[in-house]
All heavy atoms as atom14 arrays in JSON, in Angstrom:
{
  "sequence": "ALVSRTPVGGLLAGTAAVVAVLLALLWGALARRRLLSSRAGVGRH",
  "atom14_mask": [
    [1, 1, 1, 1, 1, 0, 0, 0, 0, 0, 0, 0, 0, 0],
    [1, 1, 1, 1, 1, 1, 1, 1, 0, 0, 0, 0, 0, 0],
    [1, 1, 1, 1, 1, 1, 1, 0, 0, 0, 0, 0, 0, 0],
    [1, 1, 1, 1, 1, 1, 0, 0, 0, 0, 0, 0, 0, 0],
    [1, 1, 1, 1, 1, 1, 1, 1, 1, 1, 1, 0, 0, 0],
    [1, 1, 1, 1, 1, 1, 1, 0, 0, 0, 0, 0, 0, 0],
    [1, 1, 1, 1, 1, 1, 1, 0, 0, 0, 0, 0, 0, 0],
    [1, 1, 1, 1, 1, 1, 1, 0, 0, 0, 0, 0, 0, 0],
    [1, 1, 1, 1, 0, 0, 0, 0, 0, 0, 0, 0, 0, 0],
    [1, 1, 1, 1, 0, 0, 0, 0, 0, 0, 0, 0, 0, 0],
    [1, 1, 1, 1, 1, 1, 1, 1, 0, 0, 0, 0, 0, 0],
    [1, 1, 1, 1, 1, 1, 1, 1, 0, 0, 0, 0, 0, 0],
    [1, 1, 1, 1, 1, 0, 0, 0, 0, 0, 0, 0, 0, 0],
    [1, 1, 1, 1, 0, 0, 0, 0, 0, 0, 0, 0, 0, 0],
    [1, 1, 1, 1, 1, 1, 1, 0, 0, 0, 0, 0, 0, 0],
    [1, 1, 1, 1, 1, 0, 0, 0, 0, 0, 0, 0, 0, 0],
    [1, 1, 1, 1, 1, 0, 0, 0, 0, 0, 0, 0, 0, 0],
    [1, 1, 1, 1, 1, 1, 1, 0, 0, 0, 0, 0, 0, 0],
    [1, 1, 1, 1, 1, 1, 1, 0, 0, 0, 0, 0, 0, 0],
    [1, 1, 1, 1, 1, 0, 0, 0, 0, 0, 0, 0, 0, 0],
    [1, 1, 1, 1, 1, 1, 1, 0, 0, 0, 0, 0, 0, 0],
    [1, 1, 1, 1, 1, 1, 1, 1, 0, 0, 0, 0, 0, 0],
    [1, 1, 1, 1, 1, 1, 1, 1, 0, 0, 0, 0, 0, 0],
    [1, 1, 1, 1, 1, 0, 0, 0, 0, 0, 0, 0, 0, 0],
    [1, 1, 1, 1, 1, 1, 1, 1, 0, 0, 0, 0, 0, 0],
    [1, 1, 1, 1, 1, 1, 1, 1, 0, 0, 0, 0, 0, 0],
    [1, 1, 1, 1, 1, 1, 1, 1, 1, 1, 1, 1, 1, 1],
    [1, 1, 1, 1, 0, 0, 0, 0, 0, 0, 0, 0, 0, 0],
    [1, 1, 1, 1, 1, 0, 0, 0, 0, 0, 0, 0, 0, 0],
    [1, 1, 1, 1, 1, 1, 1, 1, 0, 0, 0, 0, 0, 0],
    [1, 1, 1, 1, 1, 0, 0, 0, 0, 0, 0, 0, 0, 0],
    [1, 1, 1, 1, 1, 1, 1, 1, 1, 1, 1, 0, 0, 0],
    [1, 1, 1, 1, 1, 1, 1, 1, 1, 1, 1, 0, 0, 0],
    [1, 1, 1, 1, 1, 1, 1, 1, 1, 1, 1, 0, 0, 0],
    [1, 1, 1, 1, 1, 1, 1, 1, 0, 0, 0, 0, 0, 0],
    [1, 1, 1, 1, 1, 1, 1, 1, 0, 0, 0, 0, 0, 0],
    [1, 1, 1, 1, 1, 1, 0, 0, 0, 0, 0, 0, 0, 0],
    [1, 1, 1, 1, 1, 1, 0, 0, 0, 0, 0, 0, 0, 0],
    [1, 1, 1, 1, 1, 1, 1, 1, 1, 1, 1, 0, 0, 0],
    [1, 1, 1, 1, 1, 0, 0, 0, 0, 0, 0, 0, 0, 0],
    [1, 1, 1, 1, 0, 0, 0, 0, 0, 0, 0, 0, 0, 0],
    [1, 1, 1, 1, 1, 1, 1, 0, 0, 0, 0, 0, 0, 0],
    [1, 1, 1, 1, 0, 0, 0, 0, 0, 0, 0, 0, 0, 0],
    [1, 1, 1, 1, 1, 1, 1, 1, 1, 1, 1, 0, 0, 0],
    [1, 1, 1, 1, 1, 1, 1, 1, 1, 1, 0, 0, 0, 0]
  ],
  "atom14_positions": [
    [[55.59, 43.27, 161.25], [56.06, 42.06, 161.66], [55.2, 41.42, 162.91], [54.77, 42.11, 163.74], [57.53, 42.18, 162.16], [0.0, 0.0, 0.0], [0.0, 0.0, 0.0], [0.0, 0.0, 0.0], [0.0, 0.0, 0.0], [0.0, 0.0, 0.0], [0.0, 0.0, 0.0], [0.0, 0.0, 0.0], [0.0, 0.0, 0.0], [0.0, 0.0, 0.0]],
    [[54.92, 40.11, 162.76], [54.17, 39.58, 163.87], [54.96, 39.5, 165.09], [54.53, 39.71, 166.27], [53.81, 38.06, 163.39], [52.95, 37.18, 164.5], [51.73, 37.88, 164.73], [52.78, 35.91, 163.82], [0.0, 0.0, 0.0], [0.0, 0.0, 0.0], [0.0, 0.0, 0.0], [0.0, 0.0, 0.0], [0.0, 0.0, 0.0], [0.0, 0.0, 0.0]],
    [[56.15, 38.95, 165.12], [57.18, 39.01, 166.15], [58.43, 39.78, 165.86], [58.76, 40.7, 166.43], [57.46, 37.49, 166.57], [58.42, 37.5, 167.79], [56.11, 36.81, 167.09], [0.0, 0.0, 0.0], [0.0, 0.0, 0.0], [0.0, 0.0, 0.0], [0.0, 0.0, 0.0], [0.0, 0.0, 0.0], [0.0, 0.0, 0.0], [0.0, 0.0, 0.0]],
    [[59.09, 39.14, 164.87], [60.42, 39.67, 164.42], [60.76, 39.21, 163.09], [60.57, 37.91, 162.82], [61.49, 39.45, 165.44], [62.75, 39.9, 164.89], [0.0, 0.0, 0.0], [0.0, 0.0, 0.0], [0.0, 0.0, 0.0], [0.0, 0.0, 0.0], [0.0, 0.0, 0.0], [0.0, 0.0, 0.0], [0.0, 0.0, 0.0], [0.0, 0.0, 0.0]],
    [[61.32, 39.98, 162.14], [61.75, 39.49, 160.95], [63.26, 39.62, 160.79], [63.83, 39.54, 159.68], [61.05, 40.27, 159.75], [59.63, 39.98, 159.7], [58.87, 40.74, 158.67], [57.45, 40.44, 158.66], [56.49, 41.06, 157.9], [56.86, 41.98, 157.09], [55.23, 40.8, 158.0], [0.0, 0.0, 0.0], [0.0, 0.0, 0.0], [0.0, 0.0, 0.0]],
    [[63.91, 39.76, 161.88], [65.42, 39.67, 161.94], [65.98, 38.39, 161.69], [65.45, 37.34, 162.28], [65.82, 40.32, 163.27], [65.27, 41.59, 163.48], [67.44, 40.39, 163.32], [0.0, 0.0, 0.0], [0.0, 0.0, 0.0], [0.0, 0.0, 0.0], [0.0, 0.0, 0.0], [0.0, 0.0, 0.0], [0.0, 0.0, 0.0], [0.0, 0.0, 0.0]],
    [[66.94, 38.18, 160.85], [67.61, 36.89, 160.54], [67.93, 36.19, 161.88], [68.61, 36.92, 162.7], [68.64, 37.23, 159.64], [68.35, 38.5, 159.05], [67.61, 39.19, 159.94], [0.0, 0.0, 0.0], [0.0, 0.0, 0.0], [0.0, 0.0, 0.0], [0.0, 0.0, 0.0], [0.0, 0.0, 0.0], [0.0, 0.0, 0.0], [0.0, 0.0, 0.0]],
    [[67.78, 34.92, 162.0], [68.08, 34.23, 163.15], [69.16, 33.06, 162.77], [69.44, 32.17, 163.68], [66.84, 33.58, 163.83], [65.9, 34.7, 164.32], [66.23, 32.64, 162.84], [0.0, 0.0, 0.0], [0.0, 0.0, 0.0], [0.0, 0.0, 0.0], [0.0, 0.0, 0.0], [0.0, 0.0, 0.0], [0.0, 0.0, 0.0], [0.0, 0.0, 0.0]],
    [[69.68, 33.02, 161.7], [70.61, 32.01, 161.17], [71.76, 32.04, 162.09], [72.3, 30.98, 162.59], [0.0, 0.0, 0.0], [0.0, 0.0, 0.0], [0.0, 0.0, 0.0], [0.0, 0.0, 0.0], [0.0, 0.0, 0.0], [0.0, 0.0, 0.0], [0.0, 0.0, 0.0], [0.0, 0.0, 0.0], [0.0, 0.0, 0.0], [0.0, 0.0, 0.0]],
    [[72.38, 33.21, 162.22], [73.57, 33.24, 163.07], [73.33, 33.0, 164.53], [74.18, 32.33, 165.23], [0.0, 0.0, 0.0], [0.0, 0.0, 0.0], [0.0, 0.0, 0.0], [0.0, 0.0, 0.0], [0.0, 0.0, 0.0], [0.0, 0.0, 0.0], [0.0, 0.0, 0.0], [0.0, 0.0, 0.0], [0.0, 0.0, 0.0], [0.0, 0.0, 0.0]],
    [[72.24, 33.44, 165.07], [71.81, 33.09, 166.48], [71.65, 31.62, 166.69], [72.16, 31.08, 167.66], [70.57, 33.84, 166.81], [69.93, 33.61, 168.15], [71.02, 34.1, 169.34], [68.65, 34.3, 168.29], [0.0, 0.0, 0.0], [0.0, 0.0, 0.0], [0.0, 0.0, 0.0], [0.0, 0.0, 0.0], [0.0, 0.0, 0.0], [0.0, 0.0, 0.0]],
    [[71.01, 30.87, 165.76], [70.85, 29.46, 165.94], [72.14, 28.67, 165.84], [72.32, 27.86, 166.54], [69.89, 28.87, 164.86], [68.42, 29.34, 165.05], [67.53, 28.93, 163.8], [67.86, 28.75, 166.35], [0.0, 0.0, 0.0], [0.0, 0.0, 0.0], [0.0, 0.0, 0.0], [0.0, 0.0, 0.0], [0.0, 0.0, 0.0], [0.0, 0.0, 0.0]],
    [[72.99, 29.14, 164.94], [74.37, 28.48, 164.78], [75.18, 28.77, 166.05], [75.78, 27.82, 166.56], [75.12, 29.0, 163.56], [0.0, 0.0, 0.0], [0.0, 0.0, 0.0], [0.0, 0.0, 0.0], [0.0, 0.0, 0.0], [0.0, 0.0, 0.0], [0.0, 0.0, 0.0], [0.0, 0.0, 0.0], [0.0, 0.0, 0.0], [0.0, 0.0, 0.0]],
    [[75.15, 29.9, 166.65], [75.83, 30.19, 167.84], [75.23, 29.37, 169.02], [75.94, 28.85, 169.93], [0.0, 0.0, 0.0], [0.0, 0.0, 0.0], [0.0, 0.0, 0.0], [0.0, 0.0, 0.0], [0.0, 0.0, 0.0], [0.0, 0.0, 0.0], [0.0, 0.0, 0.0], [0.0, 0.0, 0.0], [0.0, 0.0, 0.0], [0.0, 0.0, 0.0]],
    [[73.89, 29.3, 169.08], [73.2, 28.46, 170.07], [73.66, 27.07, 170.09], [73.95, 26.4, 171.08], [71.79, 28.64, 170.04], [71.41, 29.93, 170.06], [71.09, 27.88, 171.04], [0.0, 0.0, 0.0], [0.0, 0.0, 0.0], [0.0, 0.0, 0.0], [0.0, 0.0, 0.0], [0.0, 0.0, 0.0], [0.0, 0.0, 0.0], [0.0, 0.0, 0.0]],
    [[73.7, 26.58, 168.77], [74.23, 25.11, 168.7], [75.59, 24.84, 169.18], [75.85, 23.97, 169.82], [74.12, 24.72, 167.14], [0.0, 0.0, 0.0], [0.0, 0.0, 0.0], [0.0, 0.0, 0.0], [0.0, 0.0, 0.0], [0.0, 0.0, 0.0], [0.0, 0.0, 0.0], [0.0, 0.0, 0.0], [0.0, 0.0, 0.0], [0.0, 0.0, 0.0]],
    [[76.54, 25.84, 168.99], [77.84, 25.73, 169.51], [77.9, 25.8, 170.96], [78.62, 24.97, 171.63], [78.72, 26.93, 168.9], [0.0, 0.0, 0.0], [0.0, 0.0, 0.0], [0.0, 0.0, 0.0], [0.0, 0.0, 0.0], [0.0, 0.0, 0.0], [0.0, 0.0, 0.0], [0.0, 0.0, 0.0], [0.0, 0.0, 0.0], [0.0, 0.0, 0.0]],
    [[77.04, 26.71, 171.54], [76.99, 26.76, 173.0], [76.46, 25.47, 173.7], [76.98, 25.02, 174.63], [76.17, 28.05, 173.55], [75.97, 28.03, 174.97], [76.89, 29.33, 173.1], [0.0, 0.0, 0.0], [0.0, 0.0, 0.0], [0.0, 0.0, 0.0], [0.0, 0.0, 0.0], [0.0, 0.0, 0.0], [0.0, 0.0, 0.0], [0.0, 0.0, 0.0]],
    [[75.4, 24.99, 173.09], [74.78, 23.73, 173.6], [75.72, 22.62, 173.49], [75.82, 21.81, 174.35], [73.47, 23.46, 172.89], [72.96, 22.11, 173.22], [72.42, 24.51, 173.15], [0.0, 0.0, 0.0], [0.0, 0.0, 0.0], [0.0, 0.0, 0.0], [0.0, 0.0, 0.0], [0.0, 0.0, 0.0], [0.0, 0.0, 0.0], [0.0, 0.0, 0.0]],
    [[76.51, 22.62, 172.32], [77.5, 21.56, 172.14], [78.57, 21.58, 173.26], [78.98, 20.44, 173.78], [78.11, 21.62, 170.8], [0.0, 0.0, 0.0], [0.0, 0.0, 0.0], [0.0, 0.0, 0.0], [0.0, 0.0, 0.0], [0.0, 0.0, 0.0], [0.0, 0.0, 0.0], [0.0, 0.0, 0.0], [0.0, 0.0, 0.0], [0.0, 0.0, 0.0]],
    [[79.01, 22.74, 173.53], [80.07, 22.89, 174.64], [79.56, 22.53, 176.09], [80.17, 21.72, 176.7], [80.58, 24.39, 174.65], [81.42, 24.51, 175.96], [81.35, 24.64, 173.44], [0.0, 0.0, 0.0], [0.0, 0.0, 0.0], [0.0, 0.0, 0.0], [0.0, 0.0, 0.0], [0.0, 0.0, 0.0], [0.0, 0.0, 0.0], [0.0, 0.0, 0.0]],
    [[78.29, 22.94, 176.36], [77.67, 22.55, 177.61], [77.44, 21.11, 177.72], [77.72, 20.48, 178.8], [76.38, 23.23, 177.77], [76.39, 24.84, 177.97], [75.04, 25.39, 177.99], [77.32, 25.25, 179.14], [0.0, 0.0, 0.0], [0.0, 0.0, 0.0], [0.0, 0.0, 0.0], [0.0, 0.0, 0.0], [0.0, 0.0, 0.0], [0.0, 0.0, 0.0]],
    [[76.99, 20.38, 176.65], [76.84, 19.0, 176.75], [78.04, 18.22, 176.79], [78.18, 17.2, 177.43], [76.0, 18.53, 175.47], [74.56, 18.86, 175.4], [73.93, 18.41, 174.05], [73.72, 18.15, 176.6], [0.0, 0.0, 0.0], [0.0, 0.0, 0.0], [0.0, 0.0, 0.0], [0.0, 0.0, 0.0], [0.0, 0.0, 0.0], [0.0, 0.0, 0.0]],
    [[79.08, 18.78, 176.12], [80.41, 18.12, 176.05], [80.95, 18.16, 177.62], [81.54, 17.2, 178.27], [81.45, 18.71, 175.2], [0.0, 0.0, 0.0], [0.0, 0.0, 0.0], [0.0, 0.0, 0.0], [0.0, 0.0, 0.0], [0.0, 0.0, 0.0], [0.0, 0.0, 0.0], [0.0, 0.0, 0.0], [0.0, 0.0, 0.0], [0.0, 0.0, 0.0]],
    [[80.77, 19.37, 178.3], [81.13, 19.42, 179.78], [80.4, 18.5, 180.57], [80.96, 17.94, 181.55], [81.1, 20.91, 180.25], [81.95, 21.97, 179.45], [81.6, 23.33, 180.0], [83.42, 21.63, 179.81], [0.0, 0.0, 0.0], [0.0, 0.0, 0.0], [0.0, 0.0, 0.0], [0.0, 0.0, 0.0], [0.0, 0.0, 0.0], [0.0, 0.0, 0.0]],
    [[79.03, 18.4, 180.34], [78.3, 17.56, 181.18], [78.67, 16.02, 181.01], [78.9, 15.4, 182.02], [76.81, 17.72, 180.7], [75.83, 16.79, 181.48], [75.82, 17.01, 182.94], [74.45, 17.0, 180.86], [0.0, 0.0, 0.0], [0.0, 0.0, 0.0], [0.0, 0.0, 0.0], [0.0, 0.0, 0.0], [0.0, 0.0, 0.0], [0.0, 0.0, 0.0]],
    [[78.85, 15.73, 179.7], [79.33, 14.31, 179.61], [80.67, 14.06, 180.09], [80.95, 13.06, 180.67], [79.35, 14.08, 177.97], [77.96, 13.59, 177.55], [77.26, 14.39, 176.67], [77.19, 12.54, 177.87], [75.92, 13.8, 176.48], [75.95, 12.64, 177.25], [77.33, 11.37, 178.68], [74.94, 11.64, 177.27], [76.35, 10.43, 178.84], [75.17, 10.55, 178.05]],
    [[81.61, 15.09, 180.05], [82.92, 14.9, 180.6], [82.81, 14.75, 182.15], [83.55, 13.93, 182.71], [0.0, 0.0, 0.0], [0.0, 0.0, 0.0], [0.0, 0.0, 0.0], [0.0, 0.0, 0.0], [0.0, 0.0, 0.0], [0.0, 0.0, 0.0], [0.0, 0.0, 0.0], [0.0, 0.0, 0.0], [0.0, 0.0, 0.0], [0.0, 0.0, 0.0]],
    [[81.93, 15.53, 182.84], [81.75, 15.34, 184.22], [81.17, 14.01, 184.65], [81.62, 13.47, 185.6], [80.83, 16.58, 184.75], [0.0, 0.0, 0.0], [0.0, 0.0, 0.0], [0.0, 0.0, 0.0], [0.0, 0.0, 0.0], [0.0, 0.0, 0.0], [0.0, 0.0, 0.0], [0.0, 0.0, 0.0], [0.0, 0.0, 0.0], [0.0, 0.0, 0.0]],
    [[80.2, 13.53, 183.82], [79.56, 12.22, 184.21], [80.68, 11.2, 184.0], [80.79, 10.16, 184.79], [78.37, 12.0, 183.29], [77.15, 12.96, 183.55], [76.08, 12.64, 182.51], [76.62, 12.74, 184.87], [0.0, 0.0, 0.0], [0.0, 0.0, 0.0], [0.0, 0.0, 0.0], [0.0, 0.0, 0.0], [0.0, 0.0, 0.0], [0.0, 0.0, 0.0]],
    [[81.53, 11.21, 182.96], [82.54, 10.21, 182.7], [83.53, 10.27, 183.86], [83.99, 9.12, 184.33], [83.22, 10.46, 181.36], [0.0, 0.0, 0.0], [0.0, 0.0, 0.0], [0.0, 0.0, 0.0], [0.0, 0.0, 0.0], [0.0, 0.0, 0.0], [0.0, 0.0, 0.0], [0.0, 0.0, 0.0], [0.0, 0.0, 0.0], [0.0, 0.0, 0.0]],
    [[83.96, 11.43, 184.24], [84.94, 11.55, 185.4], [84.29, 10.95, 186.75], [85.0, 10.32, 187.38], [85.3, 13.01, 185.58], [86.26, 13.22, 186.66], [86.82, 14.68, 186.56], [87.79, 14.92, 187.68], [87.51, 15.22, 188.94], [86.26, 15.28, 189.39], [88.48, 15.39, 189.81], [0.0, 0.0, 0.0], [0.0, 0.0, 0.0], [0.0, 0.0, 0.0]],
    [[83.02, 11.24, 186.93], [82.32, 10.71, 188.2], [82.36, 9.24, 188.11], [82.7, 8.56, 189.09], [81.06, 11.31, 188.25], [80.3, 10.89, 189.47], [78.88, 11.53, 189.56], [78.14, 11.02, 190.61], [76.81, 11.35, 190.88], [76.22, 12.23, 190.04], [76.18, 10.89, 191.94], [0.0, 0.0, 0.0], [0.0, 0.0, 0.0], [0.0, 0.0, 0.0]],
    [[82.03, 8.65, 186.94], [81.94, 7.19, 186.87], [83.36, 6.57, 187.06], [83.49, 5.56, 187.65], [81.36, 6.84, 185.54], [81.19, 5.27, 185.28], [80.46, 4.85, 184.19], [79.04, 5.14, 184.51], [77.9, 4.82, 183.67], [78.23, 4.23, 182.59], [76.72, 5.14, 184.1], [0.0, 0.0, 0.0], [0.0, 0.0, 0.0], [0.0, 0.0, 0.0]],
    [[84.34, 7.23, 186.49], [85.75, 6.75, 186.57], [86.17, 6.74, 187.95], [86.83, 5.7, 188.52], [86.66, 7.6, 185.73], [88.16, 7.18, 185.71], [88.3, 5.79, 185.24], [89.01, 8.17, 184.93], [0.0, 0.0, 0.0], [0.0, 0.0, 0.0], [0.0, 0.0, 0.0], [0.0, 0.0, 0.0], [0.0, 0.0, 0.0], [0.0, 0.0, 0.0]],
    [[85.83, 7.83, 188.76], [86.3, 7.9, 190.16], [85.56, 6.91, 191.03], [86.07, 6.26, 191.95], [85.99, 9.28, 190.7], [86.91, 10.43, 190.16], [86.48, 11.74, 190.69], [88.44, 10.11, 190.47], [0.0, 0.0, 0.0], [0.0, 0.0, 0.0], [0.0, 0.0, 0.0], [0.0, 0.0, 0.0], [0.0, 0.0, 0.0], [0.0, 0.0, 0.0]],
    [[84.23, 6.63, 190.6], [83.55, 5.61, 191.34], [84.02, 4.24, 191.21], [84.17, 3.44, 191.98], [82.03, 5.72, 190.99], [81.46, 6.94, 191.3], [0.0, 0.0, 0.0], [0.0, 0.0, 0.0], [0.0, 0.0, 0.0], [0.0, 0.0, 0.0], [0.0, 0.0, 0.0], [0.0, 0.0, 0.0], [0.0, 0.0, 0.0], [0.0, 0.0, 0.0]],
    [[84.4, 3.93, 189.88], [85.04, 2.6, 189.65], [86.25, 2.43, 190.32], [86.65, 1.36, 190.9], [85.13, 2.48, 188.06], [86.05, 3.37, 187.61], [0.0, 0.0, 0.0], [0.0, 0.0, 0.0], [0.0, 0.0, 0.0], [0.0, 0.0, 0.0], [0.0, 0.0, 0.0], [0.0, 0.0, 0.0], [0.0, 0.0, 0.0], [0.0, 0.0, 0.0]],
    [[87.2, 3.54, 190.31], [88.5, 3.42, 190.97], [88.32, 3.13, 192.49], [89.0, 2.37, 193.21], [89.29, 4.57, 190.81], [89.86, 4.67, 189.34], [90.59, 6.03, 189.24], [91.28, 5.99, 187.86], [92.06, 7.04, 187.38], [92.28, 8.02, 188.21], [92.56, 7.08, 186.23], [0.0, 0.0, 0.0], [0.0, 0.0, 0.0], [0.0, 0.0, 0.0]],
    [[87.32, 3.9, 193.1], [87.02, 3.73, 194.54], [86.6, 2.31, 194.86], [86.87, 1.73, 195.9], [85.97, 4.79, 194.99], [0.0, 0.0, 0.0], [0.0, 0.0, 0.0], [0.0, 0.0, 0.0], [0.0, 0.0, 0.0], [0.0, 0.0, 0.0], [0.0, 0.0, 0.0], [0.0, 0.0, 0.0], [0.0, 0.0, 0.0], [0.0, 0.0, 0.0]],
    [[85.78, 1.76, 193.91], [85.21, 0.36, 194.16], [86.37, -0.66, 194.05], [86.39, -1.61, 194.8], [0.0, 0.0, 0.0], [0.0, 0.0, 0.0], [0.0, 0.0, 0.0], [0.0, 0.0, 0.0], [0.0, 0.0, 0.0], [0.0, 0.0, 0.0], [0.0, 0.0, 0.0], [0.0, 0.0, 0.0], [0.0, 0.0, 0.0], [0.0, 0.0, 0.0]],
    [[87.35, -0.38, 193.11], [88.47, -1.33, 193.09], [89.41, -1.33, 194.23], [89.91, -2.15, 194.82], [89.26, -1.1, 191.77], [90.57, -1.78, 191.7], [88.51, -1.29, 190.57], [0.0, 0.0, 0.0], [0.0, 0.0, 0.0], [0.0, 0.0, 0.0], [0.0, 0.0, 0.0], [0.0, 0.0, 0.0], [0.0, 0.0, 0.0], [0.0, 0.0, 0.0]],
    [[89.55, -0.15, 194.89], [90.47, 0.07, 196.01], [89.86, -0.56, 197.31], [90.76, -0.73, 198.19], [0.0, 0.0, 0.0], [0.0, 0.0, 0.0], [0.0, 0.0, 0.0], [0.0, 0.0, 0.0], [0.0, 0.0, 0.0], [0.0, 0.0, 0.0], [0.0, 0.0, 0.0], [0.0, 0.0, 0.0], [0.0, 0.0, 0.0], [0.0, 0.0, 0.0]],
    [[88.66, -0.76, 197.35], [87.95, -1.26, 198.64], [87.8, -2.85, 198.45], [87.01, -3.22, 197.68], [86.7, -0.62, 198.93], [86.87, 0.89, 199.44], [85.53, 1.37, 200.04], [84.5, 1.43, 199.05], [84.18, 2.56, 198.34], [84.82, 3.62, 198.52], [83.17, 2.51, 197.45], [0.0, 0.0, 0.0], [0.0, 0.0, 0.0], [0.0, 0.0, 0.0]],
    [[88.57, -3.57, 199.33], [88.48, -5.02, 199.3], [87.88, -5.45, 200.65], [88.47, -5.16, 201.73], [89.77, -5.75, 198.95], [90.44, -5.43, 197.65], [89.94, -5.98, 196.5], [91.4, -4.61, 197.33], [90.55, -5.44, 195.45], [91.46, -4.65, 195.98], [0.0, 0.0, 0.0], [0.0, 0.0, 0.0], [0.0, 0.0, 0.0], [0.0, 0.0, 0.0]]
  ]
}
């Protein structure tokens, strides 16, 4: 074997799931931050 001939299908599918969860958390944090910023802007006159 040059590097490895072990199947990687399961590893890639699991990696996709982990990346999806991390990106969902990141987008959720960004959306929450923007929402809080907009509310703070509305409260200050």
